[in-house]
Amino acid sequence: MSLTVKINAEFCAGSGQCVAAAPRGFKLDANDLAIVLEPAGSLPRDALIRIAKACPTLAISLFDGDEEIDPFVGDEYSD
């Protein structure tokens, strides 16, 4: 099952780390803020969790159905 990926534009600093990690899933808009592209949700779950964890402002949220995923919880995703 694919995840739903959202970016909080109020938190996004436009660092582009998500774009660098997954250019088919994210891009920077005209204001240099990240936006989610449709294929993002179909990226591997572990990759999306790494991308969300790497966001310097924690602007990326992941959802499995209605449940928000905390990228910092769960041994299988620990660094």
N, C-alpha and C. Protein backbone atom coordinates (compact mmCIF):
# COMPACT_ATOMS: atom_id res chain seq x y z
N MET A 1 0.84 -1.18 0.00
CA MET A 1 0.00 0.00 0.00
C MET A 1 0.89 1.24 0.00
N SER A 2 0.51 2.23 -0.80
CA SER A 2 1.31 3.44 -0.87
C SER A 2 0.96 4.37 0.28
N LEU A 3 1.89 5.22 0.59
CA LEU A 3 1.70 6.20 1.66
C LEU A 3 1.25 7.53 1.06
N THR A 4 0.61 8.33 1.87
CA THR A 4 0.29 9.70 1.49
C THR A 4 1.38 10.60 2.05
N VAL A 5 1.91 11.46 1.21
CA VAL A 5 3.00 12.35 1.60
C VAL A 5 2.49 13.78 1.54
N LYS A 6 2.72 14.53 2.62
CA LYS A 6 2.32 15.93 2.66
C LYS A 6 3.49 16.79 3.13
N ILE A 7 3.53 18.01 2.64
CA ILE A 7 4.54 18.97 3.08
C ILE A 7 3.84 20.18 3.66
N ASN A 8 4.26 20.56 4.85
CA ASN A 8 3.74 21.75 5.49
C ASN A 8 4.55 22.94 4.97
N ALA A 9 3.93 23.72 4.10
CA ALA A 9 4.64 24.85 3.46
C ALA A 9 5.10 25.89 4.48
N GLU A 10 4.42 25.97 5.63
CA GLU A 10 4.83 26.93 6.66
C GLU A 10 6.17 26.53 7.29
N PHE A 11 6.47 25.24 7.28
CA PHE A 11 7.72 24.76 7.88
C PHE A 11 8.84 24.60 6.85
N CYS A 12 8.49 24.41 5.59
CA CYS A 12 9.49 24.12 4.56
C CYS A 12 10.45 25.30 4.40
N ALA A 13 11.75 24.99 4.43
CA ALA A 13 12.78 26.01 4.26
C ALA A 13 13.39 25.96 2.85
N GLY A 14 12.93 25.02 2.03
CA GLY A 14 13.43 24.93 0.66
C GLY A 14 14.84 24.41 0.54
N SER A 15 15.26 23.58 1.48
CA SER A 15 16.63 23.05 1.43
C SER A 15 16.85 22.13 0.24
N GLY A 16 15.79 21.51 -0.24
CA GLY A 16 15.90 20.64 -1.41
C GLY A 16 16.42 19.25 -1.13
N GLN A 17 16.57 18.88 0.13
CA GLN A 17 17.08 17.55 0.43
C GLN A 17 16.12 16.47 -0.07
N CYS A 18 14.82 16.71 0.02
CA CYS A 18 13.85 15.74 -0.47
C CYS A 18 13.95 15.61 -1.99
N VAL A 19 14.17 16.73 -2.67
CA VAL A 19 14.30 16.72 -4.13
C VAL A 19 15.55 15.95 -4.54
N ALA A 20 16.64 16.18 -3.83
CA ALA A 20 17.88 15.48 -4.14
C ALA A 20 17.74 13.97 -3.91
N ALA A 21 17.00 13.60 -2.87
CA ALA A 21 16.84 12.18 -2.54
C ALA A 21 15.85 11.48 -3.46
N ALA A 22 14.84 12.20 -3.93
CA ALA A 22 13.79 11.59 -4.75
C ALA A 22 13.22 12.60 -5.74
N PRO A 23 13.96 12.91 -6.80
CA PRO A 23 13.51 13.94 -7.74
C PRO A 23 12.22 13.61 -8.48
N ARG A 24 11.83 12.33 -8.52
CA ARG A 24 10.55 11.98 -9.14
C ARG A 24 9.39 12.16 -8.16
N GLY A 25 9.69 12.34 -6.88
CA GLY A 25 8.65 12.46 -5.88
C GLY A 25 8.46 13.86 -5.33
N PHE A 26 9.49 14.71 -5.52
CA PHE A 26 9.43 16.06 -4.96
C PHE A 26 10.06 17.05 -5.93
N LYS A 27 9.64 18.30 -5.85
CA LYS A 27 10.32 19.37 -6.60
C LYS A 27 10.12 20.66 -5.83
N LEU A 28 10.93 21.64 -6.16
CA LEU A 28 10.78 22.98 -5.57
C LEU A 28 9.90 23.81 -6.49
N ASP A 29 8.97 24.54 -5.90
CA ASP A 29 8.07 25.38 -6.69
C ASP A 29 8.73 26.73 -6.97
N ALA A 30 7.98 27.65 -7.52
CA ALA A 30 8.50 28.98 -7.88
C ALA A 30 8.98 29.76 -6.67
N ASN A 31 8.49 29.41 -5.49
CA ASN A 31 8.91 30.08 -4.25
C ASN A 31 10.01 29.31 -3.54
N ASP A 32 10.59 28.32 -4.21
CA ASP A 32 11.63 27.47 -3.64
C ASP A 32 11.16 26.69 -2.41
N LEU A 33 9.89 26.31 -2.42
CA LEU A 33 9.35 25.44 -1.38
C LEU A 33 9.07 24.08 -2.00
N ALA A 34 9.27 23.04 -1.24
CA ALA A 34 9.07 21.69 -1.76
C ALA A 34 7.58 21.41 -1.94
N ILE A 35 7.29 20.69 -3.02
CA ILE A 35 5.95 20.19 -3.25
C ILE A 35 6.06 18.71 -3.57
N VAL A 36 4.99 17.99 -3.26
CA VAL A 36 4.94 16.56 -3.49
C VAL A 36 4.42 16.29 -4.89
N LEU A 37 5.12 15.44 -5.62
CA LEU A 37 4.65 14.99 -6.92
C LEU A 37 3.91 13.66 -6.74
N GLU A 38 3.00 13.35 -7.63
CA GLU A 38 2.15 12.17 -7.48
C GLU A 38 2.92 10.88 -7.21
N PRO A 39 4.04 10.61 -7.87
CA PRO A 39 4.73 9.33 -7.62
C PRO A 39 5.34 9.19 -6.22
N ALA A 40 5.38 10.24 -5.44
CA ALA A 40 6.05 10.18 -4.13
C ALA A 40 5.48 9.08 -3.25
N GLY A 41 4.18 8.94 -3.21
CA GLY A 41 3.55 7.95 -2.34
C GLY A 41 3.87 6.52 -2.71
N SER A 42 4.30 6.30 -3.94
CA SER A 42 4.63 4.95 -4.37
C SER A 42 6.11 4.60 -4.16
N LEU A 43 6.88 5.56 -3.67
CA LEU A 43 8.28 5.27 -3.34
C LEU A 43 8.32 4.28 -2.19
N PRO A 44 9.39 3.52 -2.06
CA PRO A 44 9.48 2.56 -0.95
C PRO A 44 9.30 3.26 0.40
N ARG A 45 8.57 2.59 1.27
CA ARG A 45 8.26 3.13 2.60
C ARG A 45 9.52 3.54 3.35
N ASP A 46 10.54 2.69 3.34
CA ASP A 46 11.77 3.01 4.08
C ASP A 46 12.46 4.24 3.50
N ALA A 47 12.39 4.42 2.18
CA ALA A 47 12.98 5.61 1.56
C ALA A 47 12.23 6.87 1.98
N LEU A 48 10.91 6.81 2.01
CA LEU A 48 10.13 7.97 2.43
C LEU A 48 10.39 8.32 3.89
N ILE A 49 10.55 7.31 4.71
CA ILE A 49 10.85 7.57 6.12
C ILE A 49 12.22 8.23 6.26
N ARG A 50 13.20 7.76 5.51
CA ARG A 50 14.53 8.40 5.55
C ARG A 50 14.46 9.85 5.07
N ILE A 51 13.68 10.10 4.03
CA ILE A 51 13.54 11.45 3.49
C ILE A 51 12.86 12.36 4.53
N ALA A 52 11.80 11.87 5.16
CA ALA A 52 11.11 12.66 6.18
C ALA A 52 12.03 12.97 7.35
N LYS A 53 12.83 11.98 7.76
CA LYS A 53 13.76 12.19 8.87
C LYS A 53 14.85 13.19 8.52
N ALA A 54 15.23 13.23 7.24
CA ALA A 54 16.32 14.11 6.80
C ALA A 54 15.89 15.56 6.60
N CYS A 55 14.60 15.80 6.56
CA CYS A 55 14.12 17.17 6.35
C CYS A 55 14.55 18.02 7.55
N PRO A 56 15.33 19.09 7.31
CA PRO A 56 15.86 19.88 8.43
C PRO A 56 14.79 20.60 9.25
N THR A 57 13.60 20.82 8.68
CA THR A 57 12.54 21.49 9.42
C THR A 57 11.37 20.57 9.73
N LEU A 58 11.52 19.29 9.44
CA LEU A 58 10.48 18.28 9.68
C LEU A 58 9.16 18.67 9.04
N ALA A 59 9.23 19.19 7.82
CA ALA A 59 8.04 19.65 7.11
C ALA A 59 7.30 18.53 6.40
N ILE A 60 7.90 17.35 6.31
CA ILE A 60 7.30 16.23 5.58
C ILE A 60 6.54 15.33 6.55
N SER A 61 5.27 15.09 6.22
CA SER A 61 4.45 14.18 6.99
C SER A 61 4.06 12.99 6.12
N LEU A 62 4.04 11.82 6.73
CA LEU A 62 3.67 10.59 6.03
C LEU A 62 2.44 9.99 6.69
N PHE A 63 1.54 9.48 5.87
CA PHE A 63 0.31 8.88 6.38
C PHE A 63 0.09 7.52 5.74
N ASP A 64 -0.28 6.56 6.56
CA ASP A 64 -0.72 5.24 6.10
C ASP A 64 -2.21 5.20 6.38
N GLY A 65 -3.00 5.50 5.36
CA GLY A 65 -4.44 5.69 5.58
C GLY A 65 -4.64 6.96 6.37
N ASP A 66 -5.36 6.86 7.48
CA ASP A 66 -5.60 8.02 8.34
C ASP A 66 -4.54 8.18 9.42
N GLU A 67 -3.66 7.20 9.53
CA GLU A 67 -2.67 7.20 10.61
C GLU A 67 -1.38 7.88 10.17
N GLU A 68 -0.98 8.91 10.93
CA GLU A 68 0.29 9.58 10.64
C GLU A 68 1.43 8.72 11.16
N ILE A 69 2.47 8.60 10.37
CA ILE A 69 3.64 7.80 10.72
C ILE A 69 4.69 8.72 11.33
N ASP A 70 5.19 8.35 12.49
CA ASP A 70 6.29 9.09 13.11
C ASP A 70 7.58 8.46 12.60
N PRO A 71 8.35 9.18 11.77
CA PRO A 71 9.55 8.58 11.19
C PRO A 71 10.64 8.27 12.21
N PHE A 72 10.51 8.80 13.41
CA PHE A 72 11.55 8.59 14.42
C PHE A 72 11.21 7.45 15.38
N VAL A 73 10.10 6.75 15.13
CA VAL A 73 9.70 5.64 15.98
C VAL A 73 9.80 4.35 15.20
N GLY A 74 10.39 3.34 15.83
CA GLY A 74 10.47 2.04 15.18
C GLY A 74 11.91 1.65 14.92
N ASP A 75 12.33 0.56 15.50
CA ASP A 75 13.71 0.11 15.36
C ASP A 75 14.11 -0.15 13.93
N GLU A 76 13.17 -0.62 13.09
CA GLU A 76 13.53 -0.96 11.73
C GLU A 76 13.92 0.25 10.91
N TYR A 77 13.63 1.46 11.41
CA TYR A 77 13.96 2.67 10.67
C TYR A 77 15.01 3.52 11.39
N SER A 78 15.59 3.00 12.43
CA SER A 78 16.60 3.76 13.16
C SER A 78 17.88 3.87 12.36
N ASP A 79 18.56 4.97 12.55
CA ASP A 79 19.86 5.17 11.88
C ASP A 79 20.96 4.55 12.72
